[in-house]
Amino acid sequence: SRVSDAADAAALAAGRALMAGGMDAAEIRALALKYFTENIKSVNGQAIVGVPQINVDTQTGGVTIDVDSKVKLTLARIMGKQTLDFPISSAVNFSQKDIEVGMALDITGSMEWTDSNGKRKIEGLKQAFASFAERLIPETPSDLQKVRIGIAPYSTAVNVGSYASNVSDGTASTCIVERRGSPSYSDATGTFYGAGAGICPNSQLIPLSDDRSSLVASVNAFTTKGGTAGHLGVQWAWNVVSPKWAGTFGGDSAPSAYEDVSSGKVIKAVVLMTDGEFNTRYHGASSPKQARELCAAMKAEGVVVFSVGFGIGGNEEALETLRECATPGQGYFADTSNADQLEAAFNNFAAKLTELRLTK
């Protein structure tokens, strides 16, 4: 059992390194051997453990470890059986799925306030996002997996920048609010109503990108302003991963088809982050209701939803909206009070998206 555990640990470590990129097959094999050697120390003197045969397949993303071992027998030696041979085999194979993540990030005025440790919330968000991007997007892009992140910073409105002429009702501002009437709770393209320039946040929508340094730099430049129209963040975080918007964003930012999700080729996810109650809307139902309807609709399309409250305290309505939006199960919702906890939640979301699976 301990030899098997050591092989599993080594295979998992190698698989993570393979997925992250930046190491060749020889370096990954050396890493796996190091993990195996460290974890097998507990059986020294109790068994004869062979040298593991480690295979790294950079084309399929798989790692296999085979090791032959034997243990000396006691009573069975009377029957002429001196040792018991036990071959161990372990393998990992991560799902070679592309990952597309849309992030609704709160840049409202209250993000200037301090968290429970006295740090400005906006600085905590920047710290958490940088860690999330670093864990999810390798410094050297991997041929095995394409990972892209899009960002919808929101406050009283969403600033869609140069895309406004294609998606708004033609008002002068680059900022938009929700549609009127049907289809309110969908990712359909079409006309969104323009918002007045006075309520427009400076930070603009960022469609899907695998340029980690550029994404981090953009978030680091975020400034705060306005109230919390959280449903607008939900809408546009969904839009940046929706294939219906492929023609709008185009090129390397075009989201893949929903069929690729159902066939296991792509993971589409949305991360919702807020530091307060969704309290601003323009048309239709309340902001929390619109957010919940949008979350239900995107989950029906196979989009995974993560949500995190940041310094919300005891605001149960805000927390309940986030809980209902999140995909059911462990690890999709978090309630945090300071920057370190927010970073941990984002890192857990990244780990969930890149989870490895033991195949045997």
Protein backbone atom coordinates (compact mmCIF):
# COMPACT_ATOMS: atom_id res chain seq x y z
CA SER A 1 0.00 0.00 0.00
CA ARG A 2 2.80 2.42 0.85
CA VAL A 3 4.66 1.64 -2.37
CA SER A 4 1.45 2.22 -4.30
CA ASP A 5 0.88 5.55 -2.50
CA ALA A 6 4.42 6.64 -3.34
CA ALA A 7 3.91 5.82 -7.01
CA ASP A 8 0.59 7.69 -7.05
CA ALA A 9 2.16 10.77 -5.43
CA ALA A 10 5.01 10.75 -7.93
CA ALA A 11 2.65 10.36 -10.88
CA LEU A 12 0.46 13.22 -9.67
CA ALA A 13 3.45 15.53 -9.19
CA ALA A 14 4.70 14.70 -12.67
CA GLY A 15 1.25 15.20 -14.16
CA ARG A 16 0.93 18.65 -12.61
CA ALA A 17 4.35 19.62 -13.97
CA LEU A 18 3.39 18.35 -17.41
CA MET A 19 0.19 20.36 -17.33
CA ALA A 20 1.91 23.53 -16.17
CA GLY A 21 4.45 23.47 -19.00
CA GLY A 22 8.03 24.75 -18.82
CA MET A 23 9.65 21.33 -18.18
CA ASP A 24 10.74 18.72 -20.71
CA ALA A 25 10.08 14.99 -20.36
CA ALA A 26 13.49 14.29 -18.77
CA GLU A 27 12.97 16.97 -16.12
CA ILE A 28 9.51 15.65 -15.33
CA ARG A 29 10.85 12.10 -14.97
CA ALA A 30 13.51 13.39 -12.55
CA LEU A 31 10.83 15.18 -10.56
CA ALA A 32 8.70 12.02 -10.37
CA LEU A 33 11.68 9.96 -9.23
CA LYS A 34 12.43 12.48 -6.48
CA TYR A 35 8.85 12.31 -5.21
CA PHE A 36 8.86 8.52 -5.34
CA THR A 37 12.19 8.26 -3.50
CA GLU A 38 11.07 10.61 -0.74
CA ASN A 39 7.75 8.85 -0.23
CA ILE A 40 9.22 5.35 -0.24
CA LYS A 41 11.57 5.98 2.68
CA SER A 42 8.94 4.67 5.10
CA VAL A 43 9.36 1.11 3.77
CA ASN A 44 13.16 0.99 3.88
CA GLY A 45 14.23 -2.34 5.35
CA GLN A 46 10.75 -3.82 5.00
CA ALA A 47 10.75 -4.44 1.27
CA ILE A 48 13.06 -4.50 -1.72
CA VAL A 49 11.78 -1.74 -3.99
CA GLY A 50 12.95 -1.63 -7.57
CA VAL A 51 13.81 1.41 -9.64
CA PRO A 52 10.56 2.85 -11.04
CA GLN A 53 10.06 2.97 -14.78
CA ILE A 54 8.60 6.40 -15.50
CA ASN A 55 6.98 7.22 -18.81
CA VAL A 56 5.92 10.75 -19.72
CA ASP A 57 3.77 11.15 -22.84
CA THR A 58 3.74 14.81 -23.83
CA GLN A 59 1.31 14.10 -26.66
CA THR A 60 -1.46 12.55 -24.57
CA GLY A 61 -0.67 14.32 -21.31
CA GLY A 62 -0.23 11.04 -19.45
CA VAL A 63 2.28 9.83 -16.87
CA THR A 64 2.71 6.17 -15.94
CA ILE A 65 4.92 4.69 -13.25
CA ASP A 66 5.68 0.96 -12.99
CA VAL A 67 7.81 -0.50 -10.22
CA ASP A 68 8.59 -4.10 -9.27
CA SER A 69 9.06 -4.79 -5.58
CA LYS A 70 9.32 -7.79 -3.30
CA VAL A 71 8.98 -8.53 0.37
CA LYS A 72 10.67 -11.36 2.28
CA LEU A 73 8.28 -13.96 3.64
CA THR A 74 8.37 -15.66 7.03
CA LEU A 75 6.17 -18.74 7.49
CA ALA A 76 5.89 -19.34 3.76
CA ARG A 77 9.66 -19.91 3.61
CA ILE A 78 8.99 -23.38 5.08
CA MET A 79 7.23 -24.18 1.81
CA GLY A 80 10.19 -22.86 -0.18
CA LYS A 81 8.69 -19.47 -0.99
CA GLN A 82 11.34 -16.91 -0.07
CA THR A 83 9.80 -13.67 -1.35
CA LEU A 84 6.53 -12.25 -2.60
CA ASP A 85 6.76 -10.17 -5.74
CA PHE A 86 4.30 -7.31 -6.13
CA PRO A 87 4.34 -5.13 -9.23
CA ILE A 88 2.86 -1.64 -8.78
CA SER A 89 1.47 0.48 -11.57
CA SER A 90 0.15 4.03 -11.32
CA ALA A 91 -0.95 6.53 -13.93
CA VAL A 92 -2.42 9.98 -14.16
CA ASN A 93 -4.06 11.63 -17.08
CA PHE A 94 -5.48 15.11 -16.91
CA SER A 95 -8.45 15.92 -19.09
CA GLN A 96 -7.02 17.58 -22.14
CA LYS A 97 -9.72 20.16 -22.22
CA ASP A 98 -9.29 23.77 -23.13
CA ILE A 99 -10.39 26.13 -20.38
CA GLU A 100 -12.32 29.36 -20.89
CA VAL A 101 -13.06 31.49 -17.83
CA GLY A 102 -15.14 34.66 -17.65
CA MET A 103 -14.65 36.64 -14.44
CA ALA A 104 -17.14 39.15 -13.02
CA LEU A 105 -14.95 41.33 -10.79
CA ASP A 106 -16.40 43.95 -8.46
CA ILE A 107 -14.85 47.42 -8.87
CA THR A 108 -17.51 49.34 -6.95
CA GLY A 109 -16.77 52.22 -4.60
CA SER A 110 -16.84 49.96 -1.53
CA MET A 111 -13.82 48.10 -2.88
CA GLU A 112 -11.82 51.08 -1.58
CA TRP A 113 -12.72 50.05 1.97
CA THR A 114 -10.41 47.86 4.00
CA ASP A 115 -10.84 44.18 4.73
CA SER A 116 -10.68 42.48 8.14
CA ASN A 117 -6.87 42.74 8.07
CA GLY A 118 -6.83 46.43 7.17
CA LYS A 119 -5.92 46.02 3.49
CA ARG A 120 -7.81 47.87 0.75
CA LYS A 121 -10.15 45.40 -0.90
CA ILE A 122 -9.22 46.45 -4.42
CA GLU A 123 -5.59 45.63 -3.66
CA GLY A 124 -6.67 42.28 -2.30
CA LEU A 125 -8.56 41.57 -5.53
CA LYS A 126 -5.51 42.44 -7.61
CA GLN A 127 -3.37 40.12 -5.49
CA ALA A 128 -5.89 37.28 -5.77
CA PHE A 129 -6.32 37.64 -9.53
CA ALA A 130 -2.57 37.62 -10.17
CA SER A 131 -2.27 34.36 -8.23
CA PHE A 132 -5.28 32.87 -10.06
CA ALA A 133 -3.87 33.75 -13.47
CA GLU A 134 -0.43 32.43 -12.54
CA ARG A 135 -1.87 29.09 -11.45
CA LEU A 136 -4.18 28.72 -14.42
CA ILE A 137 -2.20 30.12 -17.37
CA PRO A 138 1.34 28.71 -17.72
CA GLU A 139 4.16 31.16 -18.36
CA THR A 140 5.02 29.08 -21.39
CA PRO A 141 1.75 28.14 -23.14
CA SER A 142 1.25 24.38 -23.42
CA ASP A 143 0.38 22.71 -26.70
CA LEU A 144 -1.73 20.24 -24.73
CA GLN A 145 -4.18 22.73 -23.34
CA LYS A 146 -5.39 26.22 -24.24
CA VAL A 147 -6.34 28.32 -21.23
CA ARG A 148 -7.96 31.73 -21.68
CA ILE A 149 -9.45 34.22 -19.24
CA GLY A 150 -11.85 37.08 -19.97
CA ILE A 151 -12.77 39.78 -17.47
CA ALA A 152 -15.97 41.75 -16.90
CA PRO A 153 -15.23 44.49 -14.35
CA TYR A 154 -18.52 45.90 -13.13
CA SER A 155 -19.98 48.53 -10.86
CA THR A 156 -23.01 50.65 -11.72
CA ALA A 157 -22.54 49.61 -15.36
CA VAL A 158 -20.15 47.65 -17.57
CA ASN A 159 -17.72 49.47 -19.83
CA VAL A 160 -17.55 47.44 -23.05
CA GLY A 161 -15.15 49.88 -24.70
CA SER A 162 -14.79 49.51 -28.46
CA TYR A 163 -17.52 46.86 -28.58
CA ALA A 164 -20.19 49.41 -27.61
CA SER A 165 -21.03 50.28 -31.20
CA ASN A 166 -21.97 46.66 -31.86
CA VAL A 167 -23.90 45.89 -28.69
CA SER A 168 -25.49 49.11 -27.43
CA ASP A 169 -28.52 51.12 -28.52
CA GLY A 170 -26.29 53.79 -30.00
CA THR A 171 -25.88 56.15 -27.06
CA ALA A 172 -22.62 58.06 -26.75
CA SER A 173 -21.28 56.21 -23.71
CA THR A 174 -19.21 53.05 -23.96
CA CYS A 175 -21.07 51.77 -20.92
CA ILE A 176 -24.16 49.61 -21.01
CA VAL A 177 -26.82 48.25 -18.71
CA GLU A 178 -29.28 45.38 -19.11
CA ARG A 179 -31.72 44.87 -21.98
CA ARG A 180 -35.42 45.58 -21.70
CA GLY A 181 -37.73 42.62 -22.03
CA SER A 182 -36.92 39.31 -23.70
CA PRO A 183 -34.39 37.74 -23.90
CA SER A 184 -33.37 39.18 -20.51
CA TYR A 185 -31.76 36.08 -19.05
CA SER A 186 -29.74 34.68 -21.93
CA ASP A 187 -26.42 35.07 -23.69
CA ALA A 188 -28.08 36.13 -26.93
CA THR A 189 -26.39 38.89 -28.88
CA GLY A 190 -28.32 42.04 -29.56
CA THR A 191 -28.96 45.48 -28.16
CA PHE A 192 -28.17 46.45 -24.59
CA TYR A 193 -29.19 49.85 -23.33
CA GLY A 194 -26.58 52.54 -22.97
CA ALA A 195 -25.68 54.06 -19.62
CA GLY A 196 -24.88 57.67 -18.89
CA ALA A 197 -21.24 58.68 -18.98
CA GLY A 198 -21.37 59.79 -15.35
CA ILE A 199 -21.84 56.23 -14.07
CA CYS A 200 -19.33 54.62 -16.40
CA PRO A 201 -16.42 52.79 -14.71
CA ASN A 202 -13.01 53.43 -16.25
CA SER A 203 -12.00 49.77 -16.45
CA GLN A 204 -13.10 48.04 -19.63
CA LEU A 205 -14.25 44.56 -20.58
CA ILE A 206 -11.46 42.18 -21.61
CA PRO A 207 -12.43 39.28 -23.92
CA LEU A 208 -10.76 35.87 -23.66
CA SER A 209 -6.96 36.02 -23.66
CA ASP A 210 -4.05 33.73 -22.78
CA ASP A 211 -1.66 36.67 -22.28
CA ARG A 212 -1.13 36.33 -18.54
CA SER A 213 1.05 39.40 -18.07
CA SER A 214 -1.39 41.60 -20.00
CA LEU A 215 -4.37 40.32 -18.00
CA VAL A 216 -2.60 40.93 -14.68
CA ALA A 217 -1.51 44.41 -15.80
CA SER A 218 -5.08 45.28 -16.78
CA VAL A 219 -6.47 44.18 -13.42
CA ASN A 220 -3.69 46.02 -11.59
CA ALA A 221 -4.89 49.20 -13.31
CA PHE A 222 -8.48 48.82 -12.07
CA THR A 223 -10.00 51.82 -10.29
CA THR A 224 -13.14 51.85 -8.17
CA LYS A 225 -16.41 53.70 -8.64
CA GLY A 226 -20.17 53.35 -8.28
CA GLY A 227 -22.77 50.93 -6.98
CA THR A 228 -23.26 47.19 -7.40
CA ALA A 229 -25.15 46.14 -10.52
CA GLY A 230 -23.95 42.60 -10.02
CA HIS A 231 -26.23 41.07 -12.61
CA LEU A 232 -24.40 43.06 -15.28
CA GLY A 233 -21.14 41.45 -14.21
CA VAL A 234 -22.81 38.04 -14.39
CA GLN A 235 -24.18 38.79 -17.87
CA TRP A 236 -20.87 39.87 -19.35
CA ALA A 237 -18.74 37.23 -17.64
CA TRP A 238 -21.06 34.75 -19.36
CA ASN A 239 -20.95 36.62 -22.66
CA VAL A 240 -17.13 36.47 -22.88
CA VAL A 241 -17.27 32.63 -22.83
CA SER A 242 -20.44 32.28 -24.91
CA PRO A 243 -20.04 31.01 -28.49
CA LYS A 244 -22.90 33.32 -29.49
CA TRP A 245 -20.41 36.16 -29.07
CA ALA A 246 -17.66 34.60 -31.17
CA GLY A 247 -18.44 36.94 -34.05
CA THR A 248 -18.31 40.00 -31.80
CA PHE A 249 -15.02 39.28 -30.05
CA GLY A 250 -13.47 37.32 -32.92
CA GLY A 251 -9.97 36.03 -33.53
CA ASP A 252 -8.10 34.55 -30.57
CA SER A 253 -10.84 35.83 -28.25
CA ALA A 254 -13.67 33.91 -29.92
CA PRO A 255 -15.22 31.41 -27.45
CA SER A 256 -15.58 27.79 -28.54
CA ALA A 257 -18.89 26.06 -29.19
CA TYR A 258 -21.14 24.66 -26.48
CA GLU A 259 -20.89 21.33 -28.31
CA ASP A 260 -17.23 21.24 -27.29
CA VAL A 261 -18.34 21.37 -23.67
CA SER A 262 -20.79 18.50 -24.01
CA SER A 263 -18.21 16.43 -25.90
CA GLY A 264 -15.58 16.92 -23.20
CA LYS A 265 -13.20 19.11 -25.20
CA VAL A 266 -13.71 22.38 -23.31
CA ILE A 267 -14.47 23.58 -19.81
CA LYS A 268 -16.38 26.86 -19.72
CA ALA A 269 -16.50 28.58 -16.35
CA VAL A 270 -17.59 31.85 -14.79
CA VAL A 271 -16.18 33.29 -11.57
CA LEU A 272 -18.37 35.78 -9.70
CA MET A 273 -16.79 38.02 -7.09
CA THR A 274 -18.44 40.78 -5.05
CA ASP A 275 -17.96 42.58 -1.77
CA GLY A 276 -21.62 43.38 -1.22
CA GLU A 277 -25.24 43.00 -2.11
CA PHE A 278 -26.34 43.41 -5.72
CA ASN A 279 -28.31 46.64 -5.30
CA THR A 280 -28.46 48.47 -8.64
CA ARG A 281 -30.67 47.75 -11.66
CA TYR A 282 -32.35 49.69 -14.46
CA HIS A 283 -34.92 47.44 -16.14
CA GLY A 284 -36.75 44.34 -15.05
CA ALA A 285 -36.48 42.53 -11.73
CA SER A 286 -34.06 43.25 -8.90
CA SER A 287 -30.34 42.76 -9.47
CA PRO A 288 -30.17 39.58 -7.29
CA LYS A 289 -33.11 38.00 -9.14
CA GLN A 290 -31.65 38.83 -12.54
CA ALA A 291 -28.28 37.41 -11.43
CA ARG A 292 -29.86 34.16 -10.25
CA GLU A 293 -31.81 33.77 -13.49
CA LEU A 294 -28.66 34.34 -15.54
CA CYS A 295 -26.72 31.83 -13.43
CA ALA A 296 -29.41 29.19 -13.90
CA ALA A 297 -29.42 29.78 -17.66
CA MET A 298 -25.65 29.51 -18.07
CA LYS A 299 -25.43 26.39 -15.90
CA ALA A 300 -28.05 24.83 -18.17
CA GLU A 301 -25.58 25.33 -21.04
CA GLY A 302 -22.87 23.45 -19.13
CA VAL A 303 -21.04 26.49 -17.77
CA VAL A 304 -19.41 25.86 -14.38
CA VAL A 305 -20.02 28.73 -11.93
CA PHE A 306 -17.76 29.68 -9.02
CA SER A 307 -18.72 32.49 -6.64
CA VAL A 308 -16.99 34.26 -3.78
CA GLY A 309 -18.06 36.93 -1.33
CA PHE A 310 -15.32 39.27 -0.15
CA GLY A 311 -15.90 41.00 3.17
CA ILE A 312 -19.67 40.69 2.90
CA GLY A 313 -20.03 39.93 6.61
CA GLY A 314 -23.47 38.81 7.67
CA ASN A 315 -25.38 39.99 4.62
CA GLU A 316 -27.33 36.79 4.08
CA GLU A 317 -29.17 37.97 0.97
CA ALA A 318 -25.88 38.69 -0.78
CA LEU A 319 -24.42 35.35 0.30
CA GLU A 320 -27.54 33.45 -0.72
CA THR A 321 -27.38 34.93 -4.23
CA LEU A 322 -23.78 33.76 -4.54
CA ARG A 323 -24.58 30.30 -3.15
CA GLU A 324 -27.49 29.85 -5.55
CA CYS A 325 -25.41 31.01 -8.49
CA ALA A 326 -22.55 28.60 -7.77
CA THR A 327 -22.45 25.11 -9.23
CA PRO A 328 -23.63 22.66 -6.55
CA GLY A 329 -20.91 20.74 -4.72
CA GLN A 330 -17.75 21.23 -2.72
CA GLY A 331 -15.40 24.02 -3.71
CA TYR A 332 -17.59 26.21 -5.92
CA PHE A 333 -18.58 28.85 -3.35
CA ALA A 334 -16.49 30.72 -0.79
CA ASP A 335 -17.14 33.38 1.82
CA THR A 336 -13.99 35.38 2.60
CA SER A 337 -13.18 38.31 4.86
CA ASN A 338 -9.67 39.35 3.85
CA ALA A 339 -7.22 39.39 0.95
CA ASP A 340 -5.43 36.19 1.95
CA GLN A 341 -8.71 34.28 2.12
CA LEU A 342 -9.80 35.69 -1.24
CA GLU A 343 -6.51 34.59 -2.80
CA ALA A 344 -6.95 31.13 -1.30
CA ALA A 345 -10.48 30.92 -2.74
CA PHE A 346 -9.27 31.95 -6.21
CA ASN A 347 -6.45 29.41 -5.99
CA ASN A 348 -8.93 26.71 -5.02
CA PHE A 349 -11.06 27.62 -8.03
CA ALA A 350 -7.98 27.32 -10.27
CA ALA A 351 -7.14 23.94 -8.72
CA LYS A 352 -10.68 22.74 -9.31
CA LEU A 353 -10.41 23.66 -12.98
CA THR A 354 -7.13 21.81 -13.42
CA GLU A 355 -7.91 18.80 -11.29
CA LEU A 356 -5.97 15.64 -12.07
CA ARG A 357 -7.59 12.23 -12.23
CA LEU A 358 -5.99 8.91 -11.31
CA THR A 359 -6.69 6.45 -14.12
CA LYS A 360 -5.57 3.25 -12.39
